Amino acid sequence: MLSDDYEQEQTELQEKLLQLNEEITQQEEQAENIDRFISKVRKYLDLDELTPAVLNDMVKAVYVHASDKSNGAREQQVDISYDLVGILPAALLNDLQNGETA
């Protein structure tokens, strides 16, 4: 009886350990991707013109959603998926543009 409980607990702990190790690996990969993205952004800090080469290097995809006229004005959401980091929240981009930091 005690032996069965102990073995079950050990199995659960092993599964939890595998799950946590996987999460750590994902977090490390995400941190590396963010570092690489920041390095890319630094290359283009003094950009005078958006060229196709820069756009291809920085942007993975652009998603244009259906337009919405529910409030009387036509609005359309556009999401930009950046290379290595995905879609960044609009609030974060607005804060960065206004000089605020997280």
PDB file of N, CA and C in Angstrom:
ATOM      1  N   MET A   1       0.831  -1.181   0.000  1.00  0.00           N
ATOM      2  CA  MET A   1       0.000   0.000   0.000  1.00  0.00           C
ATOM      3  C   MET A   1       0.879   1.248   0.000  1.00  0.00           C
ATOM      4  N   LEU A   2       1.771   1.375   0.984  1.00  0.00           N
ATOM      5  CA  LEU A   2       2.678   2.519   1.019  1.00  0.00           C
ATOM      6  C   LEU A   2       3.584   2.533  -0.196  1.00  0.00           C
ATOM      7  N   SER A   3       4.000   1.347  -0.603  1.00  0.00           N
ATOM      8  CA  SER A   3       4.869   1.207  -1.761  1.00  0.00           C
ATOM      9  C   SER A   3       4.172   1.695  -3.025  1.00  0.00           C
ATOM     10  N   ASP A   4       2.896   1.374  -3.171  1.00  0.00           N
ATOM     11  CA  ASP A   4       2.128   1.815  -4.340  1.00  0.00           C
ATOM     12  C   ASP A   4       1.987   3.337  -4.361  1.00  0.00           C
ATOM     13  N   ASP A   5       1.686   3.921  -3.201  1.00  0.00           N
ATOM     14  CA  ASP A   5       1.566   5.376  -3.102  1.00  0.00           C
ATOM     15  C   ASP A   5       2.890   6.057  -3.440  1.00  0.00           C
ATOM     16  N   TYR A   6       3.970   5.471  -2.932  1.00  0.00           N
ATOM     17  CA  TYR A   6       5.302   6.026  -3.194  1.00  0.00           C
ATOM     18  C   TYR A   6       5.628   5.973  -4.683  1.00  0.00           C
ATOM     19  N   GLU A   7       5.348   4.850  -5.318  1.00  0.00           N
ATOM     20  CA  GLU A   7       5.633   4.695  -6.753  1.00  0.00           C
ATOM     21  C   GLU A   7       4.781   5.647  -7.580  1.00  0.00           C
ATOM     22  N   GLN A   8       3.536   5.810  -7.190  1.00  0.00           N
ATOM     23  CA  GLN A   8       2.653   6.730  -7.908  1.00  0.00           C
ATOM     24  C   GLN A   8       3.159   8.164  -7.762  1.00  0.00           C
ATOM     25  N   GLU A   9       3.571   8.529  -6.565  1.00  0.00           N
ATOM     26  CA  GLU A   9       4.105   9.873  -6.340  1.00  0.00           C
ATOM     27  C   GLU A   9       5.381  10.092  -7.148  1.00  0.00           C
ATOM     28  N   GLN A  10       6.236   9.092  -7.201  1.00  0.00           N
ATOM     29  CA  GLN A  10       7.474   9.196  -7.980  1.00  0.00           C
ATOM     30  C   GLN A  10       7.171   9.379  -9.468  1.00  0.00           C
ATOM     31  N   THR A  11       6.190   8.648  -9.961  1.00  0.00           N
ATOM     32  CA  THR A  11       5.787   8.770 -11.364  1.00  0.00           C
ATOM     33  C   THR A  11       5.259  10.173 -11.645  1.00  0.00           C
ATOM     34  N   GLU A  12       4.422  10.679 -10.765  1.00  0.00           N
ATOM     35  CA  GLU A  12       3.877  12.032 -10.929  1.00  0.00           C
ATOM     36  C   GLU A  12       4.986  13.073 -10.891  1.00  0.00           C
ATOM     37  N   LEU A  13       5.944  12.893  -9.992  1.00  0.00           N
ATOM     38  CA  LEU A  13       7.059  13.837  -9.893  1.00  0.00           C
ATOM     39  C   LEU A  13       7.942  13.789 -11.141  1.00  0.00           C
ATOM     40  N   GLN A  14       8.153  12.611 -11.683  1.00  0.00           N
ATOM     41  CA  GLN A  14       8.939  12.482 -12.914  1.00  0.00           C
ATOM     42  C   GLN A  14       8.242  13.197 -14.073  1.00  0.00           C
ATOM     43  N   GLU A  15       6.923  13.033 -14.170  1.00  0.00           N
ATOM     44  CA  GLU A  15       6.153  13.696 -15.223  1.00  0.00           C
ATOM     45  C   GLU A  15       6.216  15.216 -15.050  1.00  0.00           C
ATOM     46  N   LYS A  16       6.089  15.661 -13.828  1.00  0.00           N
ATOM     47  CA  LYS A  16       6.149  17.100 -13.540  1.00  0.00           C
ATOM     48  C   LYS A  16       7.535  17.646 -13.886  1.00  0.00           C
ATOM     49  N   LEU A  17       8.575  16.882 -13.567  1.00  0.00           N
ATOM     50  CA  LEU A  17       9.943  17.290 -13.888  1.00  0.00           C
ATOM     51  C   LEU A  17      10.137  17.425 -15.390  1.00  0.00           C
ATOM     52  N   LEU A  18       9.628  16.473 -16.148  1.00  0.00           N
ATOM     53  CA  LEU A  18       9.727  16.545 -17.611  1.00  0.00           C
ATOM     54  C   LEU A  18       8.994  17.777 -18.143  1.00  0.00           C
ATOM     55  N   GLN A  19       7.809  18.037 -17.598  1.00  0.00           N
ATOM     56  CA  GLN A  19       7.020  19.193 -18.018  1.00  0.00           C
ATOM     57  C   GLN A  19       7.758  20.499 -17.695  1.00  0.00           C
ATOM     58  N   LEU A  20       8.319  20.598 -16.510  1.00  0.00           N
ATOM     59  CA  LEU A  20       9.034  21.810 -16.112  1.00  0.00           C
ATOM     60  C   LEU A  20      10.299  22.011 -16.951  1.00  0.00           C
ATOM     61  N   ASN A  21      11.008  20.926 -17.254  1.00  0.00           N
ATOM     62  CA  ASN A  21      12.189  21.027 -18.106  1.00  0.00           C
ATOM     63  C   ASN A  21      11.821  21.512 -19.508  1.00  0.00           C
ATOM     64  N   GLU A  22      10.689  21.044 -20.016  1.00  0.00           N
ATOM     65  CA  GLU A  22      10.215  21.489 -21.325  1.00  0.00           C
ATOM     66  C   GLU A  22       9.877  22.980 -21.299  1.00  0.00           C
ATOM     67  N   GLU A  23       9.224  23.421 -20.230  1.00  0.00           N
ATOM     68  CA  GLU A  23       8.889  24.840 -20.095  1.00  0.00           C
ATOM     69  C   GLU A  23      10.149  25.699 -20.007  1.00  0.00           C
ATOM     70  N   ILE A  24      11.152  25.221 -19.286  1.00  0.00           N
ATOM     71  CA  ILE A  24      12.422  25.952 -19.179  1.00  0.00           C
ATOM     72  C   ILE A  24      13.071  26.071 -20.553  1.00  0.00           C
ATOM     73  N   THR A  25      13.069  24.993 -21.313  1.00  0.00           N
ATOM     74  CA  THR A  25      13.647  25.010 -22.660  1.00  0.00           C
ATOM     75  C   THR A  25      12.915  26.011 -23.544  1.00  0.00           C
ATOM     76  N   GLN A  26      11.588  26.027 -23.473  1.00  0.00           N
ATOM     77  CA  GLN A  26      10.803  26.981 -24.257  1.00  0.00           C
ATOM     78  C   GLN A  26      11.112  28.420 -23.859  1.00  0.00           C
ATOM     79  N   GLN A  27      11.236  28.676 -22.563  1.00  0.00           N
ATOM     80  CA  GLN A  27      11.547  30.022 -22.091  1.00  0.00           C
ATOM     81  C   GLN A  27      12.930  30.464 -22.549  1.00  0.00           C
ATOM     82  N   GLU A  28      13.893  29.543 -22.520  1.00  0.00           N
ATOM     83  CA  GLU A  28      15.247  29.871 -22.978  1.00  0.00           C
ATOM     84  C   GLU A  28      15.260  30.177 -24.468  1.00  0.00           C
ATOM     85  N   GLU A  29      14.509  29.385 -25.265  1.00  0.00           N
ATOM     86  CA  GLU A  29      14.417  29.646 -26.704  1.00  0.00           C
ATOM     87  C   GLU A  29      13.766  30.999 -26.968  1.00  0.00           C
ATOM     88  N   GLN A  30      12.732  31.315 -26.211  1.00  0.00           N
ATOM     89  CA  GLN A  30      12.042  32.594 -26.378  1.00  0.00           C
ATOM     90  C   GLN A  30      12.990  33.747 -26.034  1.00  0.00           C
ATOM     91  N   ALA A  31      13.763  33.606 -24.983  1.00  0.00           N
ATOM     92  CA  ALA A  31      14.722  34.650 -24.603  1.00  0.00           C
ATOM     93  C   ALA A  31      15.780  34.834 -25.688  1.00  0.00           C
ATOM     94  N   GLU A  32      16.251  33.741 -26.268  1.00  0.00           N
ATOM     95  CA  GLU A  32      17.229  33.833 -27.358  1.00  0.00           C
ATOM     96  C   GLU A  32      16.623  34.529 -28.570  1.00  0.00           C
ATOM     97  N   ASN A  33      15.372  34.188 -28.893  1.00  0.00           N
ATOM     98  CA  ASN A  33      14.703  34.832 -30.025  1.00  0.00           C
ATOM     99  C   ASN A  33      14.534  36.327 -29.792  1.00  0.00           C
ATOM    100  N   ILE A  34      14.205  36.704 -28.575  1.00  0.00           N
ATOM    101  CA  ILE A  34      14.053  38.125 -28.258  1.00  0.00           C
ATOM    102  C   ILE A  34      15.389  38.846 -28.403  1.00  0.00           C
ATOM    103  N   ASP A  35      16.457  38.229 -27.927  1.00  0.00           N
ATOM    104  CA  ASP A  35      17.789  38.832 -28.074  1.00  0.00           C
ATOM    105  C   ASP A  35      18.150  39.002 -29.545  1.00  0.00           C
ATOM    106  N   ARG A  36      17.861  37.978 -30.362  1.00  0.00           N
ATOM    107  CA  ARG A  36      18.161  38.081 -31.801  1.00  0.00           C
ATOM    108  C   ARG A  36      17.304  39.155 -32.460  1.00  0.00           C
ATOM    109  N   PHE A  37      16.036  39.267 -32.040  1.00  0.00           N
ATOM    110  CA  PHE A  37      15.159  40.294 -32.599  1.00  0.00           C
ATOM    111  C   PHE A  37      15.669  41.688 -32.238  1.00  0.00           C
ATOM    112  N   ILE A  38      16.093  41.870 -31.001  1.00  0.00           N
ATOM    113  CA  ILE A  38      16.632  43.166 -30.573  1.00  0.00           C
ATOM    114  C   ILE A  38      17.871  43.517 -31.386  1.00  0.00           C
ATOM    115  N   SER A  39      18.710  42.539 -31.660  1.00  0.00           N
ATOM    116  CA  SER A  39      19.890  42.784 -32.499  1.00  0.00           C
ATOM    117  C   SER A  39      19.483  43.228 -33.894  1.00  0.00           C
ATOM    118  N   LYS A  40      18.434  42.598 -34.433  1.00  0.00           N
ATOM    119  CA  LYS A  40      17.930  42.997 -35.757  1.00  0.00           C
ATOM    120  C   LYS A  40      17.415  44.432 -35.727  1.00  0.00           C
ATOM    121  N   VAL A  41      16.654  44.750 -34.698  1.00  0.00           N
ATOM    122  CA  VAL A  41      16.071  46.093 -34.590  1.00  0.00           C
ATOM    123  C   VAL A  41      17.169  47.145 -34.506  1.00  0.00           C
ATOM    124  N   ARG A  42      18.220  46.849 -33.787  1.00  0.00           N
ATOM    125  CA  ARG A  42      19.325  47.808 -33.657  1.00  0.00           C
ATOM    126  C   ARG A  42      19.964  48.124 -34.999  1.00  0.00           C
ATOM    127  N   LYS A  43      19.973  47.149 -35.916  1.00  0.00           N
ATOM    128  CA  LYS A  43      20.537  47.394 -37.251  1.00  0.00           C
ATOM    129  C   LYS A  43      19.767  48.478 -37.991  1.00  0.00           C
ATOM    130  N   TYR A  44      18.470  48.606 -37.672  1.00  0.00           N
ATOM    131  CA  TYR A  44      17.611  49.509 -38.430  1.00  0.00           C
ATOM    132  C   TYR A  44      17.166  50.736 -37.638  1.00  0.00           C
ATOM    133  N   LEU A  45      17.862  51.092 -36.575  1.00  0.00           N
ATOM    134  CA  LEU A  45      17.458  52.235 -35.753  1.00  0.00           C
ATOM    135  C   LEU A  45      17.474  53.548 -36.531  1.00  0.00           C
ATOM    136  N   ASP A  46      18.440  53.755 -37.370  1.00  0.00           N
ATOM    137  CA  ASP A  46      18.560  55.010 -38.119  1.00  0.00           C
ATOM    138  C   ASP A  46      18.021  54.868 -39.531  1.00  0.00           C
ATOM    139  N   LEU A  47      16.975  54.128 -39.691  1.00  0.00           N
ATOM    140  CA  LEU A  47      16.386  53.847 -40.987  1.00  0.00           C
ATOM    141  C   LEU A  47      15.682  55.095 -41.536  1.00  0.00           C
ATOM    142  N   ASP A  48      16.034  55.479 -42.751  1.00  0.00           N
ATOM    143  CA  ASP A  48      15.385  56.619 -43.399  1.00  0.00           C
ATOM    144  C   ASP A  48      14.254  56.183 -44.308  1.00  0.00           C
ATOM    145  N   GLU A  49      14.342  54.953 -44.809  1.00  0.00           N
ATOM    146  CA  GLU A  49      13.363  54.478 -45.764  1.00  0.00           C
ATOM    147  C   GLU A  49      13.115  52.993 -45.530  1.00  0.00           C
ATOM    148  N   LEU A  50      11.853  52.597 -45.580  1.00  0.00           N
ATOM    149  CA  LEU A  50      11.504  51.193 -45.432  1.00  0.00           C
ATOM    150  C   LEU A  50      11.646  50.517 -46.787  1.00  0.00           C
ATOM    151  N   THR A  51      12.619  49.651 -46.895  1.00  0.00           N
ATOM    152  CA  THR A  51      12.879  48.956 -48.154  1.00  0.00           C
ATOM    153  C   THR A  51      12.305  47.540 -48.089  1.00  0.00           C
ATOM    154  N   PRO A  52      12.090  46.920 -49.235  1.00  0.00           N
ATOM    155  CA  PRO A  52      11.614  45.529 -49.216  1.00  0.00           C
ATOM    156  C   PRO A  52      12.551  44.589 -48.451  1.00  0.00           C
ATOM    157  N   ALA A  53      13.836  44.824 -48.524  1.00  0.00           N
ATOM    158  CA  ALA A  53      14.792  43.969 -47.809  1.00  0.00           C
ATOM    159  C   ALA A  53      14.600  44.075 -46.294  1.00  0.00           C
ATOM    160  N   VAL A  54      14.416  45.287 -45.790  1.00  0.00           N
ATOM    161  CA  VAL A  54      14.196  45.493 -44.354  1.00  0.00           C
ATOM    162  C   VAL A  54      12.871  44.858 -43.942  1.00  0.00           C
ATOM    163  N   LEU A  55      11.849  45.084 -44.736  1.00  0.00           N
ATOM    164  CA  LEU A  55      10.535  44.527 -44.440  1.00  0.00           C
ATOM    165  C   LEU A  55      10.583  43.000 -44.399  1.00  0.00           C
ATOM    166  N   ASN A  56      11.240  42.395 -45.363  1.00  0.00           N
ATOM    167  CA  ASN A  56      11.360  40.932 -45.396  1.00  0.00           C
ATOM    168  C   ASN A  56      12.173  40.404 -44.223  1.00  0.00           C
ATOM    169  N   ASP A  57      13.137  41.176 -43.772  1.00  0.00           N
ATOM    170  CA  ASP A  57      13.974  40.751 -42.652  1.00  0.00           C
ATOM    171  C   ASP A  57      13.238  40.849 -41.318  1.00  0.00           C
ATOM    172  N   MET A  58      12.376  41.819 -41.168  1.00  0.00           N
ATOM    173  CA  MET A  58      11.738  42.081 -39.876  1.00  0.00           C
ATOM    174  C   MET A  58      10.335  41.487 -39.724  1.00  0.00           C
ATOM    175  N   VAL A  59       9.583  41.376 -40.805  1.00  0.00           N
ATOM    176  CA  VAL A  59       8.174  40.994 -40.714  1.00  0.00           C
ATOM    177  C   VAL A  59       7.968  39.592 -41.272  1.00  0.00           C
ATOM    178  N   LYS A  60       7.279  38.786 -40.470  1.00  0.00           N
ATOM    179  CA  LYS A  60       6.985  37.412 -40.896  1.00  0.00           C
ATOM    180  C   LYS A  60       5.663  37.355 -41.659  1.00  0.00           C
ATOM    181  N   ALA A  61       4.643  38.074 -41.169  1.00  0.00           N
ATOM    182  CA  ALA A  61       3.325  38.063 -41.806  1.00  0.00           C
ATOM    183  C   ALA A  61       2.533  39.297 -41.383  1.00  0.00           C
ATOM    184  N   VAL A  62       1.571  39.676 -42.227  1.00  0.00           N
ATOM    185  CA  VAL A  62       0.653  40.765 -41.915  1.00  0.00           C
ATOM    186  C   VAL A  62      -0.760  40.202 -42.033  1.00  0.00           C
ATOM    187  N   TYR A  63      -1.546  40.372 -40.971  1.00  0.00           N
ATOM    188  CA  TYR A  63      -2.916  39.864 -40.952  1.00  0.00           C
ATOM    189  C   TYR A  63      -3.878  41.051 -40.961  1.00  0.00           C
ATOM    190  N   VAL A  64      -4.700  41.130 -42.011  1.00  0.00           N
ATOM    191  CA  VAL A  64      -5.679  42.197 -42.140  1.00  0.00           C
ATOM    192  C   VAL A  64      -7.048  41.581 -41.866  1.00  0.00           C
ATOM    193  N   HIS A  65      -7.711  42.057 -40.816  1.00  0.00           N
ATOM    194  CA  HIS A  65      -9.000  41.518 -40.406  1.00  0.00           C
ATOM    195  C   HIS A  65     -10.130  42.203 -41.161  1.00  0.00           C
ATOM    196  N   ALA A  66     -11.305  41.618 -41.104  1.00  0.00           N
ATOM    197  CA  ALA A  66     -12.478  42.196 -41.753  1.00  0.00           C
ATOM    198  C   ALA A  66     -12.793  43.563 -41.139  1.00  0.00           C
ATOM    199  N   SER A  67     -13.290  44.453 -41.973  1.00  0.00           N
ATOM    200  CA  SER A  67     -13.607  45.794 -41.468  1.00  0.00           C
ATOM    201  C   SER A  67     -14.857  45.750 -40.599  1.00  0.00           C
ATOM    202  N   ASP A  68     -14.944  46.746 -39.701  1.00  0.00           N
ATOM    203  CA  ASP A  68     -16.048  46.829 -38.755  1.00  0.00           C
ATOM    204  C   ASP A  68     -16.636  48.230 -38.837  1.00  0.00           C
ATOM    205  N   LYS A  69     -17.966  48.307 -39.053  1.00  0.00           N
ATOM    206  CA  LYS A  69     -18.639  49.611 -39.134  1.00  0.00           C
ATOM    207  C   LYS A  69     -19.681  49.759 -38.025  1.00  0.00           C
ATOM    208  N   SER A  70     -19.554  49.007 -36.955  1.00  0.00           N
ATOM    209  CA  SER A  70     -20.577  48.979 -35.914  1.00  0.00           C
ATOM    210  C   SER A  70     -20.725  50.305 -35.177  1.00  0.00           C
ATOM    211  N   ASN A  71     -19.682  51.116 -35.114  1.00  0.00           N
ATOM    212  CA  ASN A  71     -19.780  52.386 -34.396  1.00  0.00           C
ATOM    213  C   ASN A  71     -19.950  53.573 -35.348  1.00  0.00           C
ATOM    214  N   GLY A  72     -20.295  53.293 -36.597  1.00  0.00           N
ATOM    215  CA  GLY A  72     -20.522  54.363 -37.564  1.00  0.00           C
ATOM    216  C   GLY A  72     -19.313  54.688 -38.420  1.00  0.00           C
ATOM    217  N   ALA A  73     -18.137  54.433 -37.925  1.00  0.00           N
ATOM    218  CA  ALA A  73     -16.915  54.672 -38.686  1.00  0.00           C
ATOM    219  C   ALA A  73     -16.315  53.322 -39.071  1.00  0.00           C
ATOM    220  N   ARG A  74     -15.676  53.297 -40.201  1.00  0.00           N
ATOM    221  CA  ARG A  74     -15.051  52.053 -40.660  1.00  0.00           C
ATOM    222  C   ARG A  74     -13.715  51.870 -39.949  1.00  0.00           C
ATOM    223  N   GLU A  75     -13.575  50.732 -39.263  1.00  0.00           N
ATOM    224  CA  GLU A  75     -12.330  50.396 -38.583  1.00  0.00           C
ATOM    225  C   GLU A  75     -11.871  49.038 -39.074  1.00  0.00           C
ATOM    226  N   GLN A  76     -10.567  48.884 -39.155  1.00  0.00           N
ATOM    227  CA  GLN A  76     -10.018  47.607 -39.599  1.00  0.00           C
ATOM    228  C   GLN A  76      -8.763  47.310 -38.799  1.00  0.00           C
ATOM    229  N   GLN A  77      -8.735  46.140 -38.204  1.00  0.00           N
ATOM    230  CA  GLN A  77      -7.599  45.734 -37.392  1.00  0.00           C
ATOM    231  C   GLN A  77      -6.536  45.097 -38.281  1.00  0.00           C
ATOM    232  N   VAL A  78      -5.291  45.500 -38.048  1.00  0.00           N
ATOM    233  CA  VAL A  78      -4.156  44.934 -38.762  1.00  0.00           C
ATOM    234  C   VAL A  78      -3.148  44.463 -37.725  1.00  0.00           C
ATOM    235  N   ASP A  79      -2.767  43.196 -37.799  1.00  0.00           N
ATOM    236  CA  ASP A  79      -1.761  42.631 -36.896  1.00  0.00           C
ATOM    237  C   ASP A  79      -0.511  42.316 -37.702  1.00  0.00           C
ATOM    238  N   ILE A  80       0.634  42.703 -37.170  1.00  0.00           N
ATOM    239  CA  ILE A  80       1.910  42.429 -37.816  1.00  0.00           C
ATOM    240  C   ILE A  80       2.647  41.395 -36.970  1.00  0.00           C
ATOM    241  N   SER A  81       2.999  40.283 -37.594  1.00  0.00           N
ATOM    242  CA  SER A  81       3.769  39.242 -36.921  1.00  0.00           C
ATOM    243  C   SER A  81       5.234  39.454 -37.280  1.00  0.00           C
ATOM    244  N   TYR A  82       6.015  39.837 -36.286  1.00  0.00           N
ATOM    245  CA  TYR A  82       7.432  40.106 -36.497  1.00  0.00           C
ATOM    246  C   TYR A  82       8.227  38.811 -36.443  1.00  0.00           C
ATOM    247  N   ASP A  83       9.315  38.762 -37.187  1.00  0.00           N
ATOM    248  CA  ASP A  83      10.188  37.603 -37.185  1.00  0.00           C
ATOM    249  C   ASP A  83      10.749  37.386 -35.777  1.00  0.00           C
ATOM    250  N   LEU A  84      10.763  36.181 -35.320  1.00  0.00           N
ATOM    251  CA  LEU A  84      11.328  35.725 -34.050  1.00  0.00           C
ATOM    252  C   LEU A  84      10.464  35.998 -32.825  1.00  0.00           C
ATOM    253  N   VAL A  85       9.583  37.005 -32.845  1.00  0.00           N
ATOM    254  CA  VAL A  85       8.808  37.326 -31.638  1.00  0.00           C
ATOM    255  C   VAL A  85       7.297  37.268 -31.831  1.00  0.00           C
ATOM    256  N   GLY A  86       6.824  37.184 -33.042  1.00  0.00           N
ATOM    257  CA  GLY A  86       5.384  37.095 -33.279  1.00  0.00           C
ATOM    258  C   GLY A  86       4.700  38.456 -33.228  1.00  0.00           C
ATOM    259  N   ILE A  87       3.429  38.429 -32.902  1.00  0.00           N
ATOM    260  CA  ILE A  87       2.621  39.649 -32.860  1.00  0.00           C
ATOM    261  C   ILE A  87       2.838  40.348 -31.523  1.00  0.00           C
ATOM    262  N   LEU A  88       3.243  41.601 -31.587  1.00  0.00           N
ATOM    263  CA  LEU A  88       3.438  42.396 -30.375  1.00  0.00           C
ATOM    264  C   LEU A  88       2.160  43.179 -30.093  1.00  0.00           C
ATOM    265  N   PRO A  89       1.728  43.255 -28.842  1.00  0.00           N
ATOM    266  CA  PRO A  89       0.501  43.993 -28.502  1.00  0.00           C
ATOM    267  C   PRO A  89       0.612  45.476 -28.885  1.00  0.00           C
ATOM    268  N   ALA A  90      -0.473  46.018 -29.416  1.00  0.00           N
ATOM    269  CA  ALA A  90      -0.481  47.415 -29.847  1.00  0.00           C
ATOM    270  C   ALA A  90      -0.161  48.362 -28.696  1.00  0.00           C
ATOM    271  N   ALA A  91      -0.635  48.051 -27.493  1.00  0.00           N
ATOM    272  CA  ALA A  91      -0.366  48.909 -26.338  1.00  0.00           C
ATOM    273  C   ALA A  91       1.133  48.999 -26.065  1.00  0.00           C
ATOM    274  N   LEU A  92       1.841  47.884 -26.197  1.00  0.00           N
ATOM    275  CA  LEU A  92       3.291  47.876 -25.990  1.00  0.00           C
ATOM    276  C   LEU A  92       3.985  48.734 -27.038  1.00  0.00           C
ATOM    277  N   LEU A  93       3.562  48.599 -28.275  1.00  0.00           N
ATOM    278  CA  LEU A  93       4.181  49.391 -29.350  1.00  0.00           C
ATOM    279  C   LEU A  93       3.905  50.883 -29.161  1.00  0.00           C
ATOM    280  N   ASN A  94       2.701  51.230 -28.726  1.00  0.00           N
ATOM    281  CA  ASN A  94       2.380  52.642 -28.467  1.00  0.00           C
ATOM    282  C   ASN A  94       3.227  53.193 -27.329  1.00  0.00           C
ATOM    283  N   ASP A  95       3.406  52.407 -26.273  1.00  0.00           N
ATOM    284  CA  ASP A  95       4.224  52.838 -25.150  1.00  0.00           C
ATOM    285  C   ASP A  95       5.674  53.061 -25.586  1.00  0.00           C
ATOM    286  N   LEU A  96       6.197  52.141 -26.394  1.00  0.00           N
ATOM    287  CA  LEU A  96       7.579  52.273 -26.884  1.00  0.00           C
ATOM    288  C   LEU A  96       7.725  53.497 -27.779  1.00  0.00           C
ATOM    289  N   GLN A  97       6.724  53.738 -28.608  1.00  0.00           N
ATOM    290  CA  GLN A  97       6.759  54.895 -29.495  1.00  0.00           C
ATOM    291  C   GLN A  97       6.726  56.206 -28.712  1.00  0.00           C
ATOM    292  N   ASN A  98       6.020  56.203 -27.583  1.00  0.00           N
ATOM    293  CA  ASN A  98       5.908  57.399 -26.753  1.00  0.00           C
ATOM    294  C   ASN A  98       7.072  57.538 -25.765  1.00  0.00           C
ATOM    295  N   GLY A  99       8.038  56.613 -25.841  1.00  0.00           N
ATOM    296  CA  GLY A  99       9.215  56.714 -24.984  1.00  0.00           C
ATOM    297  C   GLY A  99       9.050  56.072 -23.625  1.00  0.00           C
ATOM    298  N   GLU A 100       7.934  55.403 -23.380  1.00  0.00           N
ATOM    299  CA  GLU A 100       7.722  54.742 -22.101  1.00  0.00           C
ATOM    300  C   GLU A 100       8.350  53.363 -22.168  1.00  0.00           C
ATOM    301  N   THR A 101       8.801  52.868 -21.023  1.00  0.00           N
ATOM    302  CA  THR A 101       9.369  51.526 -20.962  1.00  0.00           C
ATOM    303  C   THR A 101       8.573  50.664 -20.010  1.00  0.00           C
ATOM    304  N   ALA A 102       8.656  49.368 -20.240  1.00  0.00           N
ATOM    305  CA  ALA A 102       7.887  48.440 -19.399  1.00  0.00           C
ATOM    306  C   ALA A 102       8.560  48.223 -18.070  1.00  0.00           C
TER     307      ALA A 102
END
